[in-house]
C-alpha atoms as a PDB file:
ATOM      1  CA  MET A   1      -5.305  13.017   8.557  1.00  0.00           C
ATOM      2  CA  ARG A   2      -8.507  11.002   8.739  1.00  0.00           C
ATOM      3  CA  VAL A   3     -10.349   8.019   7.302  1.00  0.00           C
ATOM      4  CA  ILE A   4     -12.251   9.239   4.230  1.00  0.00           C
ATOM      5  CA  ALA A   5     -15.099   6.718   3.892  1.00  0.00           C
ATOM      6  CA  GLY A   6     -16.587   3.481   5.153  1.00  0.00           C
ATOM      7  CA  THR A   7     -17.134   2.127   8.638  1.00  0.00           C
ATOM      8  CA  ALA A   8     -14.391   4.278  10.212  1.00  0.00           C
ATOM      9  CA  ARG A   9     -15.315   7.404   8.242  1.00  0.00           C
ATOM     10  CA  SER A  10     -13.987  10.705   9.670  1.00  0.00           C
ATOM     11  CA  MET A  11     -11.975   9.017  12.414  1.00  0.00           C
ATOM     12  CA  PRO A  12      -8.708  10.900  12.961  1.00  0.00           C
ATOM     13  CA  LEU A  13      -5.454   8.992  12.537  1.00  0.00           C
ATOM     14  CA  LYS A  14      -2.116   9.643  14.162  1.00  0.00           C
ATOM     15  CA  SER A  15       1.044  10.042  12.134  1.00  0.00           C
ATOM     16  CA  LEU A  16       4.686  10.156  13.032  1.00  0.00           C
ATOM     17  CA  ASP A  17       6.036  13.634  13.784  1.00  0.00           C
ATOM     18  CA  GLY A  18       8.827  14.902  11.579  1.00  0.00           C
ATOM     19  CA  LEU A  19       9.912  13.830   8.120  1.00  0.00           C
ATOM     20  CA  GLU A  20      10.336  10.099   8.726  1.00  0.00           C
ATOM     21  CA  THR A  21       7.028   9.357   7.006  1.00  0.00           C
ATOM     22  CA  ARG A  22       5.066  11.247   4.382  1.00  0.00           C
ATOM     23  CA  PRO A  23       1.310  10.730   4.807  1.00  0.00           C
ATOM     24  CA  THR A  24      -0.766  10.643   1.625  1.00  0.00           C
ATOM     25  CA  LEU A  25      -2.979  13.714   1.466  1.00  0.00           C
ATOM     26  CA  ASP A  26      -6.675  13.058   2.045  1.00  0.00           C
ATOM     27  CA  ARG A  27      -7.732  14.293  -1.399  1.00  0.00           C
ATOM     28  CA  ILE A  28      -5.156  12.056  -3.111  1.00  0.00           C
ATOM     29  CA  LYS A  29      -6.169   9.096  -0.927  1.00  0.00           C
ATOM     30  CA  GLU A  30      -9.799   9.730  -1.866  1.00  0.00           C
ATOM     31  CA  THR A  31      -8.951   9.776  -5.583  1.00  0.00           C
ATOM     32  CA  VAL A  32      -7.015   6.503  -5.517  1.00  0.00           C
ATOM     33  CA  PHE A  33      -9.776   4.785  -3.541  1.00  0.00           C
ATOM     34  CA  ASN A  34     -12.389   6.087  -5.973  1.00  0.00           C
ATOM     35  CA  ILE A  35     -10.392   4.366  -8.730  1.00  0.00           C
ATOM     36  CA  LEU A  36     -10.171   1.154  -6.662  1.00  0.00           C
ATOM     37  CA  GLN A  37     -13.711   1.294  -5.238  1.00  0.00           C
ATOM     38  CA  ASN A  38     -14.916  -1.908  -6.938  1.00  0.00           C
ATOM     39  CA  ASP A  39     -11.753  -3.836  -6.054  1.00  0.00           C
ATOM     40  CA  ILE A  40     -11.623  -3.151  -2.301  1.00  0.00           C
ATOM     41  CA  PRO A  41     -14.680  -4.900  -0.788  1.00  0.00           C
ATOM     42  CA  GLY A  42     -13.662  -8.411   0.265  1.00  0.00           C
ATOM     43  CA  CYS A  43     -10.067  -8.026  -0.914  1.00  0.00           C
ATOM     44  CA  ARG A  44      -6.742  -8.998   0.648  1.00  0.00           C
ATOM     45  CA  PHE A  45      -4.776  -5.733   0.842  1.00  0.00           C
ATOM     46  CA  LEU A  46      -1.001  -5.426   1.245  1.00  0.00           C
ATOM     47  CA  ASP A  47       0.352  -2.019   2.281  1.00  0.00           C
ATOM     48  CA  LEU A  48       4.131  -1.801   1.765  1.00  0.00           C
ATOM     49  CA  PHE A  49       6.013   1.085   3.410  1.00  0.00           C
ATOM     50  CA  SER A  50       2.887   1.593   5.488  1.00  0.00           C
ATOM     51  CA  GLY A  51       3.918   4.719   7.457  1.00  0.00           C
ATOM     52  CA  SER A  52       0.911   5.537   9.654  1.00  0.00           C
ATOM     53  CA  GLY A  53      -1.225   2.728   8.229  1.00  0.00           C
ATOM     54  CA  ALA A  54      -3.719   5.206   6.773  1.00  0.00           C
ATOM     55  CA  ILE A  55      -3.924   3.528   3.345  1.00  0.00           C
ATOM     56  CA  ALA A  56      -4.590   0.028   4.692  1.00  0.00           C
ATOM     57  CA  ILE A  57      -7.010   1.416   7.294  1.00  0.00           C
ATOM     58  CA  GLU A  58      -8.889   3.174   4.502  1.00  0.00           C
ATOM     59  CA  ALA A  59      -9.117  -0.161   2.675  1.00  0.00           C
ATOM     60  CA  LEU A  60     -10.361  -1.916   5.819  1.00  0.00           C
ATOM     61  CA  SER A  61     -12.893   0.844   6.413  1.00  0.00           C
ATOM     62  CA  ARG A  62     -14.144   0.229   2.877  1.00  0.00           C
ATOM     63  CA  HIS A  63     -14.636  -3.487   3.651  1.00  0.00           C
ATOM     64  CA  ALA A  64     -11.358  -5.106   2.647  1.00  0.00           C
ATOM     65  CA  LYS A  65     -11.388  -8.589   4.148  1.00  0.00           C
ATOM     66  CA  GLU A  66      -7.886  -8.275   5.579  1.00  0.00           C
ATOM     67  CA  ALA A  67      -4.820  -6.074   5.403  1.00  0.00           C
ATOM     68  CA  VAL A  68      -1.145  -6.696   5.978  1.00  0.00           C
ATOM     69  CA  LEU A  69       0.852  -3.580   6.799  1.00  0.00           C
ATOM     70  CA  VAL A  70       4.629  -3.622   6.395  1.00  0.00           C
ATOM     71  CA  GLU A  71       6.726  -0.929   8.056  1.00  0.00           C
ATOM     72  CA  GLN A  72      10.367  -1.185   9.059  1.00  0.00           C
ATOM     73  CA  ASN A  73      10.468   1.940  11.251  1.00  0.00           C
ATOM     74  CA  LYS A  74       9.718   0.915  14.857  1.00  0.00           C
ATOM     75  CA  LYS A  75       8.141   4.268  15.791  1.00  0.00           C
ATOM     76  CA  ALA A  76       5.904   4.227  12.718  1.00  0.00           C
ATOM     77  CA  SER A  77       4.968   0.610  13.432  1.00  0.00           C
ATOM     78  CA  ALA A  78       3.839   1.631  16.927  1.00  0.00           C
ATOM     79  CA  VAL A  79       1.680   4.407  15.405  1.00  0.00           C
ATOM     80  CA  ILE A  80       0.151   1.882  12.981  1.00  0.00           C
ATOM     81  CA  LYS A  81      -0.792  -0.396  15.872  1.00  0.00           C
ATOM     82  CA  GLU A  82      -2.377   2.538  17.743  1.00  0.00           C
ATOM     83  CA  ASN A  83      -4.357   3.543  14.638  1.00  0.00           C
ATOM     84  CA  LEU A  84      -5.549  -0.031  14.062  1.00  0.00           C
ATOM     85  CA  LYS A  85      -6.653  -0.329  17.685  1.00  0.00           C
ATOM     86  CA  PHE A  86      -8.413   3.059  17.597  1.00  0.00           C
ATOM     87  CA  THR A  87     -10.304   2.169  14.387  1.00  0.00           C
ATOM     88  CA  LYS A  88     -11.030  -1.362  15.682  1.00  0.00           C
ATOM     89  CA  PHE A  89      -9.293  -3.118  12.783  1.00  0.00           C
ATOM     90  CA  THR A  90      -6.773  -5.176  14.757  1.00  0.00           C
ATOM     91  CA  ASP A  91      -8.674  -8.444  14.189  1.00  0.00           C
ATOM     92  CA  ASN A  92      -8.426  -8.349  10.396  1.00  0.00           C
ATOM     93  CA  SER A  93      -4.970  -6.851  10.087  1.00  0.00           C
ATOM     94  CA  ARG A  94      -1.373  -7.864  10.606  1.00  0.00           C
ATOM     95  CA  VAL A  95       1.603  -5.553  11.111  1.00  0.00           C
ATOM     96  CA  MET A  96       5.006  -6.781   9.947  1.00  0.00           C
ATOM     97  CA  GLU A  97       7.913  -4.753  11.311  1.00  0.00           C
ATOM     98  CA  MET A  98      10.591  -5.462   8.702  1.00  0.00           C
ATOM     99  CA  ASP A  99      11.814  -4.404   5.285  1.00  0.00           C
ATOM    100  CA  CYS A 100       9.393  -4.977   2.425  1.00  0.00           C
ATOM    101  CA  VAL A 101      11.449  -7.511   0.441  1.00  0.00           C
ATOM    102  CA  SER A 102      11.806  -9.706   3.553  1.00  0.00           C
ATOM    103  CA  ALA A 103       8.075  -9.360   4.238  1.00  0.00           C
ATOM    104  CA  ILE A 104       7.222 -10.447   0.684  1.00  0.00           C
ATOM    105  CA  ARG A 105       9.376 -13.546   1.137  1.00  0.00           C
ATOM    106  CA  ARG A 106       7.823 -14.283   4.536  1.00  0.00           C
ATOM    107  CA  LEU A 107       4.302 -13.975   3.080  1.00  0.00           C
ATOM    108  CA  GLU A 108       5.018 -16.696   0.475  1.00  0.00           C
ATOM    109  CA  GLY A 109       2.421 -19.443   0.636  1.00  0.00           C
ATOM    110  CA  THR A 110      -0.210 -17.334   2.445  1.00  0.00           C
ATOM    111  CA  GLY A 111      -2.283 -16.662  -0.666  1.00  0.00           C
ATOM    112  CA  VAL A 112      -2.602 -13.990  -3.324  1.00  0.00           C
ATOM    113  CA  PHE A 113      -3.239 -10.350  -2.475  1.00  0.00           C
ATOM    114  CA  ASP A 114      -5.858  -8.562  -4.562  1.00  0.00           C
ATOM    115  CA  VAL A 115      -4.366  -5.082  -4.097  1.00  0.00           C
ATOM    116  CA  ILE A 116      -0.775  -4.179  -3.236  1.00  0.00           C
ATOM    117  CA  TYR A 117       0.016  -0.555  -2.407  1.00  0.00           C
ATOM    118  CA  ILE A 118       3.641   0.624  -2.515  1.00  0.00           C
ATOM    119  CA  ASP A 119       4.522   4.050  -1.109  1.00  0.00           C
ATOM    120  CA  ALA A 120       8.292   3.907  -0.682  1.00  0.00           C
ATOM    121  CA  PRO A 121      10.296   6.944   0.413  1.00  0.00           C
ATOM    122  CA  TYR A 122      10.797   9.053  -2.694  1.00  0.00           C
ATOM    123  CA  GLY A 123      14.094   9.072  -4.553  1.00  0.00           C
ATOM    124  CA  GLN A 124      15.678   6.071  -2.831  1.00  0.00           C
ATOM    125  CA  GLY A 125      15.164   3.484  -5.577  1.00  0.00           C
ATOM    126  CA  LEU A 126      13.282   1.080  -3.315  1.00  0.00           C
ATOM    127  CA  GLU A 127      10.490   0.302  -5.779  1.00  0.00           C
ATOM    128  CA  GLU A 128      12.598  -1.783  -8.158  1.00  0.00           C
ATOM    129  CA  PRO A 129      13.746  -4.439  -5.642  1.00  0.00           C
ATOM    130  CA  VAL A 130      10.201  -4.624  -4.261  1.00  0.00           C
ATOM    131  CA  LEU A 131       8.697  -5.136  -7.731  1.00  0.00           C
ATOM    132  CA  ARG A 132      11.351  -7.769  -8.501  1.00  0.00           C
ATOM    133  CA  ALA A 133      10.485  -9.601  -5.291  1.00  0.00           C
ATOM    134  CA  LEU A 134       6.762  -9.415  -6.121  1.00  0.00           C
ATOM    135  CA  SER A 135       7.350 -10.713  -9.657  1.00  0.00           C
ATOM    136  CA  GLU A 136       9.064 -13.811  -8.212  1.00  0.00           C
ATOM    137  CA  SER A 137       6.461 -14.266  -5.462  1.00  0.00           C
ATOM    138  CA  ASP A 138       3.227 -16.229  -5.299  1.00  0.00           C
ATOM    139  CA  ILE A 139       1.520 -13.431  -3.326  1.00  0.00           C
ATOM    140  CA  ALA A 140       0.798 -11.536  -6.564  1.00  0.00           C
ATOM    141  CA  ASP A 141      -0.694 -12.878  -9.776  1.00  0.00           C
ATOM    142  CA  GLU A 142      -2.011 -11.464 -13.063  1.00  0.00           C
ATOM    143  CA  ASP A 143      -5.183 -10.246 -11.330  1.00  0.00           C
ATOM    144  CA  THR A 144      -3.394  -8.405  -8.515  1.00  0.00           C
ATOM    145  CA  ILE A 145      -3.570  -4.624  -8.789  1.00  0.00           C
ATOM    146  CA  VAL A 146      -0.280  -3.018  -7.783  1.00  0.00           C
ATOM    147  CA  VAL A 147      -0.425   0.712  -7.061  1.00  0.00           C
ATOM    148  CA  VAL A 148       2.820   2.650  -6.699  1.00  0.00           C
ATOM    149  CA  GLU A 149       2.725   6.133  -5.204  1.00  0.00           C
ATOM    150  CA  GLU A 150       5.720   8.045  -6.517  1.00  0.00           C
ATOM    151  CA  ASP A 151       7.176  11.511  -6.896  1.00  0.00           C
ATOM    152  CA  LEU A 152       5.922  13.272 -10.031  1.00  0.00           C
ATOM    153  CA  ASP A 153       9.415  13.391 -11.529  1.00  0.00           C
ATOM    154  CA  GLU A 154      10.031   9.659 -11.168  1.00  0.00           C
ATOM    155  CA  ASN A 155       9.147   7.003 -13.701  1.00  0.00           C
ATOM    156  CA  LEU A 156       8.898   3.268 -13.456  1.00  0.00           C
ATOM    157  CA  ASP A 157      10.512   2.370 -16.761  1.00  0.00           C
ATOM    158  CA  PHE A 158      12.051  -0.625 -15.000  1.00  0.00           C
ATOM    159  CA  ALA A 159       8.602  -2.103 -14.205  1.00  0.00           C
ATOM    160  CA  GLU A 160       8.480  -3.926 -17.558  1.00  0.00           C
ATOM    161  CA  ASN A 161      11.840  -5.587 -16.796  1.00  0.00           C
ATOM    162  CA  CYS A 162      10.468  -6.572 -13.381  1.00  0.00           C
ATOM    163  CA  GLY A 163       7.549  -8.434 -14.985  1.00  0.00           C
ATOM    164  CA  PHE A 164       4.828  -5.781 -14.731  1.00  0.00           C
ATOM    165  CA  SER A 165       2.778  -3.805 -17.244  1.00  0.00           C
ATOM    166  CA  VAL A 166       1.617  -0.263 -16.575  1.00  0.00           C
ATOM    167  CA  THR A 167      -2.185  -0.129 -16.857  1.00  0.00           C
ATOM    168  CA  ARG A 168      -2.903   3.415 -15.688  1.00  0.00           C
ATOM    169  CA  PHE A 169      -1.362   6.682 -14.480  1.00  0.00           C
ATOM    170  CA  LYS A 170      -2.960   9.255 -12.239  1.00  0.00           C
ATOM    171  CA  LYS A 171      -0.926  12.451 -11.837  1.00  0.00           C
ATOM    172  CA  TYR A 172      -1.394  15.114  -9.172  1.00  0.00           C
ATOM    173  CA  LYS A 173       0.463  18.389  -8.554  1.00  0.00           C
ATOM    174  CA  THR A 174       3.422  16.830  -6.732  1.00  0.00           C
ATOM    175  CA  ASN A 175       3.096  13.063  -7.056  1.00  0.00           C
ATOM    176  CA  GLN A 176       1.440  10.276  -9.023  1.00  0.00           C
ATOM    177  CA  HIS A 177      -0.085   6.831  -8.791  1.00  0.00           C
ATOM    178  CA  ILE A 178       1.086   4.211 -11.264  1.00  0.00           C
ATOM    179  CA  PHE A 179      -1.133   1.143 -11.597  1.00  0.00           C
ATOM    180  CA  LEU A 180       0.548  -2.116 -12.574  1.00  0.00           C
ATOM    181  CA  LYS A 181      -0.420  -5.704 -13.360  1.00  0.00           C
ATOM    182  CA  LYS A 182       1.881  -8.710 -13.294  1.00  0.00           C
ATOM    183  CA  LYS A 183       2.525 -10.088 -16.765  1.00  0.00           C
ATOM    184  CA  GLY A 184       1.326 -13.625 -17.426  1.00  0.00           C
ATOM    185  CA  ASN A 185       3.817 -16.418 -18.018  1.00  0.00           C
END
């Protein structure tokens, strides 16, 4: 696993051994960042279920202004901190070691994020409570791009009930990215 583009291009990143995290494949990461390329420079980026931190680090490498990485797993959080230090992105990043719903609540009042990336463990139903928390939060508005990485067999039919509209799908062989926007009031 490596950084695809930007200031940290080609730098290798560590990931947690075993099945506790599931790193996004480089080619899939490249595709999603090609879609987001005009939205990343200067953005505030929130990476929920951050794993190794590779997604947020990619955003920082591509000139995101700041990134907040949320990861509940202590071992994964330690790997994130190592990766941020290695890529020299510790000054414009923050790691929150807690569950994502609690992190969303704690981030209230800190400003709106431009891009929110959600890569929850597949098949555990964690996306719905996170989207509900985001819909009630001031950290996302109608301009925030929410990207959910999900198993190919899953759907986000509940997103509408959580206050989001699906704006785009990108399907791969085994998974997909679903792009959402918060509905206006």
